[in-house]
Amino acid sequence: MTRTSSKIWRTVVFAGAMLGAGASCGKDKQATTTPPPEPVAVPAADPGAADAKANADKAAQEQAAKEADDKRAADELAAKEAEEAAAKQAEEDAAKKRPRGGNARPTGRGFVLS
């Protein structure tokens, strides 16, 4: 082997040894563990509470549906008002006269360089 190729191989071997040494450093430490949590006592279920919860859930769903309908109606009304305002503005723009001349099509004023 030539001198440069042996130097390259020594560099590769040295780098591999450094990587191997770094990977094994973390294995010497012992992992700390936390004790398992204590079980929580669950109170006995009250049959009346289940009915009350079901009624409350049903009322909340009805309220959410009503709010969604109200929001949709308000959005539709706002869209309709916006369309009406745009149509009114378009009519006003069409009714305006041009400052010079009454026709809608502009005509050339001035001179042409040729």
PDB file of N, CA and C in Angstrom:
ATOM      1  N   MET A   1       0.826  -1.176   0.000  1.00  0.00           N
ATOM      2  CA  MET A   1       0.000   0.000   0.000  1.00  0.00           C
ATOM      3  C   MET A   1       0.869   1.238   0.000  1.00  0.00           C
ATOM      4  N   THR A   2       0.276   2.256  -0.538  1.00  0.00           N
ATOM      5  CA  THR A   2       1.012   3.512  -0.541  1.00  0.00           C
ATOM      6  C   THR A   2       0.825   4.218   0.786  1.00  0.00           C
ATOM      7  N   ARG A   3       1.584   5.218   0.972  1.00  0.00           N
ATOM      8  CA  ARG A   3       1.572   5.939   2.239  1.00  0.00           C
ATOM      9  C   ARG A   3       0.227   6.638   2.493  1.00  0.00           C
ATOM     10  N   THR A   4      -0.384   7.255   1.468  1.00  0.00           N
ATOM     11  CA  THR A   4      -1.643   7.982   1.664  1.00  0.00           C
ATOM     12  C   THR A   4      -2.798   7.034   1.948  1.00  0.00           C
ATOM     13  N   SER A   5      -2.836   5.883   1.279  1.00  0.00           N
ATOM     14  CA  SER A   5      -3.951   4.961   1.518  1.00  0.00           C
ATOM     15  C   SER A   5      -3.876   4.366   2.916  1.00  0.00           C
ATOM     16  N   SER A   6      -2.684   4.111   3.439  1.00  0.00           N
ATOM     17  CA  SER A   6      -2.590   3.585   4.802  1.00  0.00           C
ATOM     18  C   SER A   6      -3.004   4.656   5.810  1.00  0.00           C
ATOM     19  N   LYS A   7      -2.732   5.912   5.501  1.00  0.00           N
ATOM     20  CA  LYS A   7      -3.136   6.998   6.393  1.00  0.00           C
ATOM     21  C   LYS A   7      -4.665   7.122   6.409  1.00  0.00           C
ATOM     22  N   ILE A   8      -5.276   6.950   5.254  1.00  0.00           N
ATOM     23  CA  ILE A   8      -6.738   7.014   5.176  1.00  0.00           C
ATOM     24  C   ILE A   8      -7.353   5.897   6.003  1.00  0.00           C
ATOM     25  N   TRP A   9      -6.812   4.662   5.883  1.00  0.00           N
ATOM     26  CA  TRP A   9      -7.361   3.535   6.637  1.00  0.00           C
ATOM     27  C   TRP A   9      -7.184   3.740   8.131  1.00  0.00           C
ATOM     28  N   ARG A  10      -6.084   4.310   8.565  1.00  0.00           N
ATOM     29  CA  ARG A  10      -5.896   4.581   9.993  1.00  0.00           C
ATOM     30  C   ARG A  10      -6.925   5.591  10.486  1.00  0.00           C
ATOM     31  N   THR A  11      -7.238   6.591   9.649  1.00  0.00           N
ATOM     32  CA  THR A  11      -8.231   7.590  10.028  1.00  0.00           C
ATOM     33  C   THR A  11      -9.604   6.952  10.164  1.00  0.00           C
ATOM     34  N   VAL A  12      -9.943   6.059   9.226  1.00  0.00           N
ATOM     35  CA  VAL A  12     -11.245   5.393   9.269  1.00  0.00           C
ATOM     36  C   VAL A  12     -11.346   4.507  10.502  1.00  0.00           C
ATOM     37  N   VAL A  13     -10.305   3.773  10.819  1.00  0.00           N
ATOM     38  CA  VAL A  13     -10.311   2.887  11.984  1.00  0.00           C
ATOM     39  C   VAL A  13     -10.417   3.703  13.267  1.00  0.00           C
ATOM     40  N   PHE A  14      -9.698   4.806  13.333  1.00  0.00           N
ATOM     41  CA  PHE A  14      -9.735   5.657  14.516  1.00  0.00           C
ATOM     42  C   PHE A  14     -11.133   6.252  14.701  1.00  0.00           C
ATOM     43  N   ALA A  15     -11.749   6.717  13.601  1.00  0.00           N
ATOM     44  CA  ALA A  15     -13.085   7.292  13.682  1.00  0.00           C
ATOM     45  C   ALA A  15     -14.091   6.239  14.121  1.00  0.00           C
ATOM     46  N   GLY A  16     -13.966   5.034  13.624  1.00  0.00           N
ATOM     47  CA  GLY A  16     -14.878   3.964  14.029  1.00  0.00           C
ATOM     48  C   GLY A  16     -14.723   3.626  15.499  1.00  0.00           C
ATOM     49  N   ALA A  17     -13.496   3.658  15.992  1.00  0.00           N
ATOM     50  CA  ALA A  17     -13.267   3.376  17.409  1.00  0.00           C
ATOM     51  C   ALA A  17     -13.890   4.458  18.273  1.00  0.00           C
ATOM     52  N   MET A  18     -13.798   5.705  17.815  1.00  0.00           N
ATOM     53  CA  MET A  18     -14.392   6.797  18.589  1.00  0.00           C
ATOM     54  C   MET A  18     -15.918   6.674  18.620  1.00  0.00           C
ATOM     55  N   LEU A  19     -16.520   6.287  17.503  1.00  0.00           N
ATOM     56  CA  LEU A  19     -17.962   6.115  17.468  1.00  0.00           C
ATOM     57  C   LEU A  19     -18.394   4.968  18.367  1.00  0.00           C
ATOM     58  N   GLY A  20     -17.638   3.895  18.339  1.00  0.00           N
ATOM     59  CA  GLY A  20     -17.963   2.749  19.188  1.00  0.00           C
ATOM     60  C   GLY A  20     -17.834   3.088  20.661  1.00  0.00           C
ATOM     61  N   ALA A  21     -16.845   3.878  21.021  1.00  0.00           N
ATOM     62  CA  ALA A  21     -16.656   4.250  22.423  1.00  0.00           C
ATOM     63  C   ALA A  21     -17.781   5.156  22.884  1.00  0.00           C
ATOM     64  N   GLY A  22     -18.244   6.039  22.024  1.00  0.00           N
ATOM     65  CA  GLY A  22     -19.318   6.960  22.395  1.00  0.00           C
ATOM     66  C   GLY A  22     -20.648   6.247  22.567  1.00  0.00           C
ATOM     67  N   ALA A  23     -20.877   5.202  21.797  1.00  0.00           N
ATOM     68  CA  ALA A  23     -22.138   4.486  21.870  1.00  0.00           C
ATOM     69  C   ALA A  23     -22.237   3.656  23.130  1.00  0.00           C
ATOM     70  N   SER A  24     -21.122   3.179  23.652  1.00  0.00           N
ATOM     71  CA  SER A  24     -21.181   2.313  24.827  1.00  0.00           C
ATOM     72  C   SER A  24     -21.189   3.103  26.119  1.00  0.00           C
ATOM     73  N   CYS A  25     -20.957   4.402  26.078  1.00  0.00           N
ATOM     74  CA  CYS A  25     -20.906   5.195  27.311  1.00  0.00           C
ATOM     75  C   CYS A  25     -22.251   5.245  28.004  1.00  0.00           C
ATOM     76  N   GLY A  26     -23.334   5.312  27.268  1.00  0.00           N
ATOM     77  CA  GLY A  26     -24.648   5.455  27.880  1.00  0.00           C
ATOM     78  C   GLY A  26     -25.145   4.185  28.521  1.00  0.00           C
ATOM     79  N   LYS A  27     -24.581   3.034  28.227  1.00  0.00           N
ATOM     80  CA  LYS A  27     -25.075   1.776  28.756  1.00  0.00           C
ATOM     81  C   LYS A  27     -24.622   1.535  30.193  1.00  0.00           C
ATOM     82  N   ASP A  28     -23.600   2.240  30.650  1.00  0.00           N
ATOM     83  CA  ASP A  28     -23.099   2.010  31.999  1.00  0.00           C
ATOM     84  C   ASP A  28     -24.013   2.622  33.054  1.00  0.00           C
ATOM     85  N   LYS A  29     -24.755   3.643  32.702  1.00  0.00           N
ATOM     86  CA  LYS A  29     -25.624   4.298  33.656  1.00  0.00           C
ATOM     87  C   LYS A  29     -26.872   3.460  33.876  1.00  0.00           C
ATOM     88  N   GLN A  30     -27.323   3.422  35.144  1.00  0.00           N
ATOM     89  CA  GLN A  30     -28.543   2.695  35.448  1.00  0.00           C
ATOM     90  C   GLN A  30     -29.726   3.646  35.328  1.00  0.00           C
ATOM     91  N   ALA A  31     -30.776   3.162  34.745  1.00  0.00           N
ATOM     92  CA  ALA A  31     -31.968   3.987  34.568  1.00  0.00           C
ATOM     93  C   ALA A  31     -32.709   4.082  35.893  1.00  0.00           C
ATOM     94  N   THR A  32     -33.158   5.285  36.218  1.00  0.00           N
ATOM     95  CA  THR A  32     -33.943   5.469  37.438  1.00  0.00           C
ATOM     96  C   THR A  32     -35.394   5.191  37.106  1.00  0.00           C
ATOM     97  N   THR A  33     -36.075   4.501  37.984  1.00  0.00           N
ATOM     98  CA  THR A  33     -37.473   4.164  37.755  1.00  0.00           C
ATOM     99  C   THR A  33     -38.326   4.833  38.812  1.00  0.00           C
ATOM    100  N   THR A  34     -39.502   5.176  38.438  1.00  0.00           N
ATOM    101  CA  THR A  34     -40.447   5.763  39.384  1.00  0.00           C
ATOM    102  C   THR A  34     -41.388   4.668  39.843  1.00  0.00           C
ATOM    103  N   PRO A  35     -41.830   4.741  41.067  1.00  0.00           N
ATOM    104  CA  PRO A  35     -42.757   3.709  41.546  1.00  0.00           C
ATOM    105  C   PRO A  35     -44.085   3.827  40.814  1.00  0.00           C
ATOM    106  N   PRO A  36     -44.773   2.729  40.642  1.00  0.00           N
ATOM    107  CA  PRO A  36     -46.063   2.784  39.935  1.00  0.00           C
ATOM    108  C   PRO A  36     -47.063   3.614  40.752  1.00  0.00           C
ATOM    109  N   PRO A  37     -47.962   4.322  40.085  1.00  0.00           N
ATOM    110  CA  PRO A  37     -48.940   5.135  40.811  1.00  0.00           C
ATOM    111  C   PRO A  37     -49.920   4.258  41.576  1.00  0.00           C
ATOM    112  N   GLU A  38     -50.391   4.808  42.686  1.00  0.00           N
ATOM    113  CA  GLU A  38     -51.351   4.052  43.496  1.00  0.00           C
ATOM    114  C   GLU A  38     -52.703   4.070  42.801  1.00  0.00           C
ATOM    115  N   PRO A  39     -53.437   2.964  42.873  1.00  0.00           N
ATOM    116  CA  PRO A  39     -54.753   2.930  42.229  1.00  0.00           C
ATOM    117  C   PRO A  39     -55.714   3.898  42.928  1.00  0.00           C
ATOM    118  N   VAL A  40     -56.523   4.564  42.124  1.00  0.00           N
ATOM    119  CA  VAL A  40     -57.486   5.520  42.645  1.00  0.00           C
ATOM    120  C   VAL A  40     -58.810   4.811  42.853  1.00  0.00           C
ATOM    121  N   ALA A  41     -59.408   5.031  44.008  1.00  0.00           N
ATOM    122  CA  ALA A  41     -60.691   4.403  44.303  1.00  0.00           C
ATOM    123  C   ALA A  41     -61.789   5.115  43.527  1.00  0.00           C
ATOM    124  N   VAL A  42     -62.602   4.337  42.824  1.00  0.00           N
ATOM    125  CA  VAL A  42     -63.693   4.889  42.029  1.00  0.00           C
ATOM    126  C   VAL A  42     -64.974   4.734  42.836  1.00  0.00           C
ATOM    127  N   PRO A  43     -65.716   5.829  43.067  1.00  0.00           N
ATOM    128  CA  PRO A  43     -66.952   5.700  43.839  1.00  0.00           C
ATOM    129  C   PRO A  43     -68.007   4.931  43.048  1.00  0.00           C
ATOM    130  N   ALA A  44     -68.939   4.361  43.750  1.00  0.00           N
ATOM    131  CA  ALA A  44     -70.004   3.584  43.120  1.00  0.00           C
ATOM    132  C   ALA A  44     -70.877   4.520  42.283  1.00  0.00           C
ATOM    133  N   ALA A  45     -71.321   4.043  41.141  1.00  0.00           N
ATOM    134  CA  ALA A  45     -72.123   4.857  40.232  1.00  0.00           C
ATOM    135  C   ALA A  45     -73.526   5.033  40.782  1.00  0.00           C
ATOM    136  N   ASP A  46     -74.042   6.268  40.692  1.00  0.00           N
ATOM    137  CA  ASP A  46     -75.391   6.586  41.139  1.00  0.00           C
ATOM    138  C   ASP A  46     -76.312   6.517  39.929  1.00  0.00           C
ATOM    139  N   PRO A  47     -77.372   5.706  39.948  1.00  0.00           N
ATOM    140  CA  PRO A  47     -78.230   5.587  38.773  1.00  0.00           C
ATOM    141  C   PRO A  47     -78.905   6.910  38.400  1.00  0.00           C
ATOM    142  N   GLY A  48     -79.216   7.733  39.355  1.00  0.00           N
ATOM    143  CA  GLY A  48     -79.843   9.022  39.066  1.00  0.00           C
ATOM    144  C   GLY A  48     -78.867   9.973  38.385  1.00  0.00           C
ATOM    145  N   ALA A  49     -77.598   9.864  38.703  1.00  0.00           N
ATOM    146  CA  ALA A  49     -76.582  10.722  38.094  1.00  0.00           C
ATOM    147  C   ALA A  49     -76.421  10.404  36.613  1.00  0.00           C
ATOM    148  N   ALA A  50     -76.562   9.130  36.264  1.00  0.00           N
ATOM    149  CA  ALA A  50     -76.435   8.742  34.857  1.00  0.00           C
ATOM    150  C   ALA A  50     -77.563   9.362  34.036  1.00  0.00           C
ATOM    151  N   ASP A  51     -78.793   9.362  34.576  1.00  0.00           N
ATOM    152  CA  ASP A  51     -79.918   9.969  33.863  1.00  0.00           C
ATOM    153  C   ASP A  51     -79.729  11.477  33.740  1.00  0.00           C
ATOM    154  N   ALA A  52     -79.254  12.104  34.808  1.00  0.00           N
ATOM    155  CA  ALA A  52     -79.032  13.544  34.782  1.00  0.00           C
ATOM    156  C   ALA A  52     -77.953  13.898  33.754  1.00  0.00           C
ATOM    157  N   LYS A  53     -76.903  13.070  33.702  1.00  0.00           N
ATOM    158  CA  LYS A  53     -75.829  13.315  32.736  1.00  0.00           C
ATOM    159  C   LYS A  53     -76.346  13.142  31.315  1.00  0.00           C
ATOM    160  N   ALA A  54     -77.159  12.129  31.076  1.00  0.00           N
ATOM    161  CA  ALA A  54     -77.717  11.907  29.741  1.00  0.00           C
ATOM    162  C   ALA A  54     -78.605  13.078  29.332  1.00  0.00           C
ATOM    163  N   ASN A  55     -79.414  13.575  30.265  1.00  0.00           N
ATOM    164  CA  ASN A  55     -80.271  14.722  29.968  1.00  0.00           C
ATOM    165  C   ASN A  55     -79.440  15.977  29.688  1.00  0.00           C
ATOM    166  N   ALA A  56     -78.388  16.163  30.460  1.00  0.00           N
ATOM    167  CA  ALA A  56     -77.516  17.322  30.254  1.00  0.00           C
ATOM    168  C   ALA A  56     -76.819  17.238  28.902  1.00  0.00           C
ATOM    169  N   ASP A  57     -76.370  16.032  28.528  1.00  0.00           N
ATOM    170  CA  ASP A  57     -75.713  15.850  27.226  1.00  0.00           C
ATOM    171  C   ASP A  57     -76.696  16.137  26.081  1.00  0.00           C
ATOM    172  N   LYS A  58     -77.933  15.672  26.231  1.00  0.00           N
ATOM    173  CA  LYS A  58     -78.942  15.894  25.200  1.00  0.00           C
ATOM    174  C   LYS A  58     -79.250  17.382  25.070  1.00  0.00           C
ATOM    175  N   ALA A  59     -79.357  18.073  26.194  1.00  0.00           N
ATOM    176  CA  ALA A  59     -79.629  19.513  26.168  1.00  0.00           C
ATOM    177  C   ALA A  59     -78.468  20.275  25.531  1.00  0.00           C
ATOM    178  N   ALA A  60     -77.234  19.846  25.813  1.00  0.00           N
ATOM    179  CA  ALA A  60     -76.064  20.502  25.231  1.00  0.00           C
ATOM    180  C   ALA A  60     -76.029  20.300  23.718  1.00  0.00           C
ATOM    181  N   GLN A  61     -76.398  19.101  23.252  1.00  0.00           N
ATOM    182  CA  GLN A  61     -76.431  18.847  21.818  1.00  0.00           C
ATOM    183  C   GLN A  61     -77.500  19.683  21.128  1.00  0.00           C
ATOM    184  N   GLU A  62     -78.684  19.801  21.767  1.00  0.00           N
ATOM    185  CA  GLU A  62     -79.749  20.611  21.194  1.00  0.00           C
ATOM    186  C   GLU A  62     -79.337  22.084  21.123  1.00  0.00           C
ATOM    187  N   GLN A  63     -78.668  22.568  22.173  1.00  0.00           N
ATOM    188  CA  GLN A  63     -78.207  23.950  22.196  1.00  0.00           C
ATOM    189  C   GLN A  63     -77.176  24.195  21.098  1.00  0.00           C
ATOM    190  N   ALA A  64     -76.255  23.248  20.913  1.00  0.00           N
ATOM    191  CA  ALA A  64     -75.231  23.383  19.880  1.00  0.00           C
ATOM    192  C   ALA A  64     -75.872  23.388  18.491  1.00  0.00           C
ATOM    193  N   ALA A  65     -76.883  22.550  18.282  1.00  0.00           N
ATOM    194  CA  ALA A  65     -77.568  22.514  16.989  1.00  0.00           C
ATOM    195  C   ALA A  65     -78.295  23.832  16.728  1.00  0.00           C
ATOM    196  N   LYS A  66     -78.925  24.386  17.777  1.00  0.00           N
ATOM    197  CA  LYS A  66     -79.632  25.654  17.632  1.00  0.00           C
ATOM    198  C   LYS A  66     -78.654  26.779  17.299  1.00  0.00           C
ATOM    199  N   GLU A  67     -77.508  26.807  17.973  1.00  0.00           N
ATOM    200  CA  GLU A  67     -76.496  27.824  17.702  1.00  0.00           C
ATOM    201  C   GLU A  67     -75.957  27.705  16.276  1.00  0.00           C
ATOM    202  N   ALA A  68     -75.775  26.476  15.806  1.00  0.00           N
ATOM    203  CA  ALA A  68     -75.287  26.263  14.440  1.00  0.00           C
ATOM    204  C   ALA A  68     -76.313  26.772  13.424  1.00  0.00           C
ATOM    205  N   ASP A  69     -77.610  26.513  13.684  1.00  0.00           N
ATOM    206  CA  ASP A  69     -78.654  27.001  12.781  1.00  0.00           C
ATOM    207  C   ASP A  69     -78.697  28.524  12.766  1.00  0.00           C
ATOM    208  N   ASP A  70     -78.573  29.133  13.958  1.00  0.00           N
ATOM    209  CA  ASP A  70     -78.575  30.592  14.041  1.00  0.00           C
ATOM    210  C   ASP A  70     -77.393  31.189  13.285  1.00  0.00           C
ATOM    211  N   LYS A  71     -76.242  30.582  13.418  1.00  0.00           N
ATOM    212  CA  LYS A  71     -75.041  31.078  12.739  1.00  0.00           C
ATOM    213  C   LYS A  71     -75.199  30.959  11.225  1.00  0.00           C
ATOM    214  N   ARG A  72     -75.733  29.827  10.769  1.00  0.00           N
ATOM    215  CA  ARG A  72     -75.934  29.630   9.332  1.00  0.00           C
ATOM    216  C   ARG A  72     -76.921  30.660   8.782  1.00  0.00           C
ATOM    217  N   ALA A  73     -78.010  30.936   9.523  1.00  0.00           N
ATOM    218  CA  ALA A  73     -78.998  31.920   9.084  1.00  0.00           C
ATOM    219  C   ALA A  73     -78.374  33.316   9.033  1.00  0.00           C
ATOM    220  N   ALA A  74     -77.544  33.645  10.019  1.00  0.00           N
ATOM    221  CA  ALA A  74     -76.884  34.951  10.032  1.00  0.00           C
ATOM    222  C   ALA A  74     -75.909  35.072   8.865  1.00  0.00           C
ATOM    223  N   ASP A  75     -75.190  34.002   8.561  1.00  0.00           N
ATOM    224  CA  ASP A  75     -74.253  34.014   7.429  1.00  0.00           C
ATOM    225  C   ASP A  75     -75.007  34.197   6.101  1.00  0.00           C
ATOM    226  N   GLU A  76     -76.141  33.512   5.959  1.00  0.00           N
ATOM    227  CA  GLU A  76     -76.930  33.646   4.731  1.00  0.00           C
ATOM    228  C   GLU A  76     -77.461  35.069   4.578  1.00  0.00           C
ATOM    229  N   LEU A  77     -77.924  35.667   5.689  1.00  0.00           N
ATOM    230  CA  LEU A  77     -78.429  37.032   5.650  1.00  0.00           C
ATOM    231  C   LEU A  77     -77.321  38.017   5.283  1.00  0.00           C
ATOM    232  N   ALA A  78     -76.139  37.823   5.854  1.00  0.00           N
ATOM    233  CA  ALA A  78     -75.007  38.706   5.547  1.00  0.00           C
ATOM    234  C   ALA A  78     -74.610  38.582   4.076  1.00  0.00           C
ATOM    235  N   ALA A  79     -74.617  37.366   3.535  1.00  0.00           N
ATOM    236  CA  ALA A  79     -74.276  37.161   2.128  1.00  0.00           C
ATOM    237  C   ALA A  79     -75.307  37.833   1.220  1.00  0.00           C
ATOM    238  N   LYS A  80     -76.594  37.729   1.584  1.00  0.00           N
ATOM    239  CA  LYS A  80     -77.646  38.347   0.781  1.00  0.00           C
ATOM    240  C   LYS A  80     -77.505  39.866   0.804  1.00  0.00           C
ATOM    241  N   GLU A  81     -77.225  40.434   1.975  1.00  0.00           N
ATOM    242  CA  GLU A  81     -77.049  41.881   2.079  1.00  0.00           C
ATOM    243  C   GLU A  81     -75.832  42.345   1.278  1.00  0.00           C
ATOM    244  N   ALA A  82     -74.768  41.571   1.284  1.00  0.00           N
ATOM    245  CA  ALA A  82     -73.570  41.925   0.520  1.00  0.00           C
ATOM    246  C   ALA A  82     -73.861  41.915  -0.978  1.00  0.00           C
ATOM    247  N   GLU A  83     -74.633  40.925  -1.445  1.00  0.00           N
ATOM    248  CA  GLU A  83     -74.999  40.859  -2.861  1.00  0.00           C
ATOM    249  C   GLU A  83     -75.855  42.059  -3.255  1.00  0.00           C
ATOM    250  N   GLU A  84     -76.811  42.427  -2.384  1.00  0.00           N
ATOM    251  CA  GLU A  84     -77.669  43.569  -2.674  1.00  0.00           C
ATOM    252  C   GLU A  84     -76.858  44.865  -2.728  1.00  0.00           C
ATOM    253  N   ALA A  85     -75.913  45.016  -1.812  1.00  0.00           N
ATOM    254  CA  ALA A  85     -75.075  46.215  -1.796  1.00  0.00           C
ATOM    255  C   ALA A  85     -74.210  46.290  -3.053  1.00  0.00           C
ATOM    256  N   ALA A  86     -73.675  45.153  -3.483  1.00  0.00           N
ATOM    257  CA  ALA A  86     -72.853  45.129  -4.690  1.00  0.00           C
ATOM    258  C   ALA A  86     -73.697  45.476  -5.920  1.00  0.00           C
ATOM    259  N   ALA A  87     -74.932  44.966  -5.988  1.00  0.00           N
ATOM    260  CA  ALA A  87     -75.810  45.257  -7.118  1.00  0.00           C
ATOM    261  C   ALA A  87     -76.178  46.742  -7.132  1.00  0.00           C
ATOM    262  N   LYS A  88     -76.452  47.299  -5.966  1.00  0.00           N
ATOM    263  CA  LYS A  88     -76.794  48.721  -5.875  1.00  0.00           C
ATOM    264  C   LYS A  88     -75.615  49.592  -6.306  1.00  0.00           C
ATOM    265  N   GLN A  89     -74.420  49.231  -5.884  1.00  0.00           N
ATOM    266  CA  GLN A  89     -73.216  49.976  -6.264  1.00  0.00           C
ATOM    267  C   GLN A  89     -72.991  49.898  -7.776  1.00  0.00           C
ATOM    268  N   ALA A  90     -73.238  48.739  -8.373  1.00  0.00           N
ATOM    269  CA  ALA A  90     -73.072  48.580  -9.816  1.00  0.00           C
ATOM    270  C   ALA A  90     -74.066  49.464 -10.571  1.00  0.00           C
ATOM    271  N   GLU A  91     -75.311  49.558 -10.073  1.00  0.00           N
ATOM    272  CA  GLU A  91     -76.313  50.415 -10.704  1.00  0.00           C
ATOM    273  C   GLU A  91     -75.901  51.879 -10.613  1.00  0.00           C
ATOM    274  N   GLU A  92     -75.394  52.284  -9.445  1.00  0.00           N
ATOM    275  CA  GLU A  92     -74.959  53.667  -9.271  1.00  0.00           C
ATOM    276  C   GLU A  92     -73.793  53.995 -10.197  1.00  0.00           C
ATOM    277  N   ASP A  93     -72.865  53.080 -10.334  1.00  0.00           N
ATOM    278  CA  ASP A  93     -71.716  53.299 -11.218  1.00  0.00           C
ATOM    279  C   ASP A  93     -72.162  53.423 -12.671  1.00  0.00           C
ATOM    280  N   ALA A  94     -73.147  52.623 -13.060  1.00  0.00           N
ATOM    281  CA  ALA A  94     -73.631  52.668 -14.437  1.00  0.00           C
ATOM    282  C   ALA A  94     -74.383  53.970 -14.697  1.00  0.00           C
ATOM    283  N   ALA A  95     -75.046  54.512 -13.688  1.00  0.00           N
ATOM    284  CA  ALA A  95     -75.837  55.722 -13.859  1.00  0.00           C
ATOM    285  C   ALA A  95     -74.970  56.980 -13.916  1.00  0.00           C
ATOM    286  N   LYS A  96     -73.762  56.923 -13.403  1.00  0.00           N
ATOM    287  CA  LYS A  96     -72.889  58.099 -13.400  1.00  0.00           C
ATOM    288  C   LYS A  96     -72.507  58.462 -14.831  1.00  0.00           C
ATOM    289  N   LYS A  97     -72.457  59.791 -15.093  1.00  0.00           N
ATOM    290  CA  LYS A  97     -72.031  60.229 -16.414  1.00  0.00           C
ATOM    291  C   LYS A  97     -70.521  60.372 -16.436  1.00  0.00           C
ATOM    292  N   ARG A  98     -69.995  60.210 -17.625  1.00  0.00           N
ATOM    293  CA  ARG A  98     -68.572  60.440 -17.789  1.00  0.00           C
ATOM    294  C   ARG A  98     -68.327  61.935 -17.757  1.00  0.00           C
ATOM    295  N   PRO A  99     -67.150  62.381 -17.266  1.00  0.00           N
ATOM    296  CA  PRO A  99     -66.898  63.806 -17.174  1.00  0.00           C
ATOM    297  C   PRO A  99     -66.922  64.505 -18.530  1.00  0.00           C
ATOM    298  N   ARG A 100     -66.504  63.884 -19.579  1.00  0.00           N
ATOM    299  CA  ARG A 100     -66.508  64.479 -20.924  1.00  0.00           C
ATOM    300  C   ARG A 100     -67.255  63.541 -21.853  1.00  0.00           C
ATOM    301  N   GLY A 101     -68.416  63.870 -22.178  1.00  0.00           N
ATOM    302  CA  GLY A 101     -69.179  63.021 -23.082  1.00  0.00           C
ATOM    303  C   GLY A 101     -70.126  62.136 -22.307  1.00  0.00           C
ATOM    304  N   GLY A 102     -71.180  61.715 -22.944  1.00  0.00           N
ATOM    305  CA  GLY A 102     -72.179  60.930 -22.250  1.00  0.00           C
ATOM    306  C   GLY A 102     -72.157  59.451 -22.583  1.00  0.00           C
ATOM    307  N   ASN A 103     -71.380  59.058 -23.557  1.00  0.00           N
ATOM    308  CA  ASN A 103     -71.408  57.641 -23.938  1.00  0.00           C
ATOM    309  C   ASN A 103     -70.493  56.818 -23.024  1.00  0.00           C
ATOM    310  N   ALA A 104     -70.773  55.558 -22.955  1.00  0.00           N
ATOM    311  CA  ALA A 104     -70.019  54.684 -22.063  1.00  0.00           C
ATOM    312  C   ALA A 104     -68.660  54.310 -22.649  1.00  0.00           C
ATOM    313  N   ARG A 105     -68.567  54.358 -23.977  1.00  0.00           N
ATOM    314  CA  ARG A 105     -67.319  53.957 -24.622  1.00  0.00           C
ATOM    315  C   ARG A 105     -66.379  55.145 -24.691  1.00  0.00           C
ATOM    316  N   PRO A 106     -65.173  55.034 -24.172  1.00  0.00           N
ATOM    317  CA  PRO A 106     -64.267  56.182 -24.218  1.00  0.00           C
ATOM    318  C   PRO A 106     -63.775  56.444 -25.637  1.00  0.00           C
ATOM    319  N   THR A 107     -63.615  57.709 -25.942  1.00  0.00           N
ATOM    320  CA  THR A 107     -63.089  58.088 -27.246  1.00  0.00           C
ATOM    321  C   THR A 107     -61.742  58.760 -27.038  1.00  0.00           C
ATOM    322  N   GLY A 108     -60.909  58.669 -28.027  1.00  0.00           N
ATOM    323  CA  GLY A 108     -59.589  59.240 -27.912  1.00  0.00           C
ATOM    324  C   GLY A 108     -59.623  60.751 -27.965  1.00  0.00           C
ATOM    325  N   ARG A 109     -58.906  61.389 -27.075  1.00  0.00           N
ATOM    326  CA  ARG A 109     -58.781  62.837 -27.072  1.00  0.00           C
ATOM    327  C   ARG A 109     -57.293  63.132 -27.059  1.00  0.00           C
ATOM    328  N   GLY A 110     -56.851  63.998 -27.877  1.00  0.00           N
ATOM    329  CA  GLY A 110     -55.451  64.310 -27.902  1.00  0.00           C
ATOM    330  C   GLY A 110     -54.898  64.093 -29.288  1.00  0.00           C
ATOM    331  N   PHE A 111     -53.680  63.711 -29.333  1.00  0.00           N
ATOM    332  CA  PHE A 111     -53.049  63.543 -30.627  1.00  0.00           C
ATOM    333  C   PHE A 111     -52.329  62.194 -30.658  1.00  0.00           C
ATOM    334  N   VAL A 112     -52.023  61.752 -31.869  1.00  0.00           N
ATOM    335  CA  VAL A 112     -51.366  60.468 -32.065  1.00  0.00           C
ATOM    336  C   VAL A 112     -50.031  60.737 -32.715  1.00  0.00           C
ATOM    337  N   LEU A 113     -48.993  60.196 -32.127  1.00  0.00           N
ATOM    338  CA  LEU A 113     -47.673  60.300 -32.734  1.00  0.00           C
ATOM    339  C   LEU A 113     -47.474  59.122 -33.657  1.00  0.00           C
ATOM    340  N   SER A 114     -47.115  59.410 -34.906  1.00  0.00           N
ATOM    341  CA  SER A 114     -46.891  58.289 -35.813  1.00  0.00           C
ATOM    342  C   SER A 114     -45.546  58.398 -36.487  1.00  0.00           C
TER     343      SER A 114
END
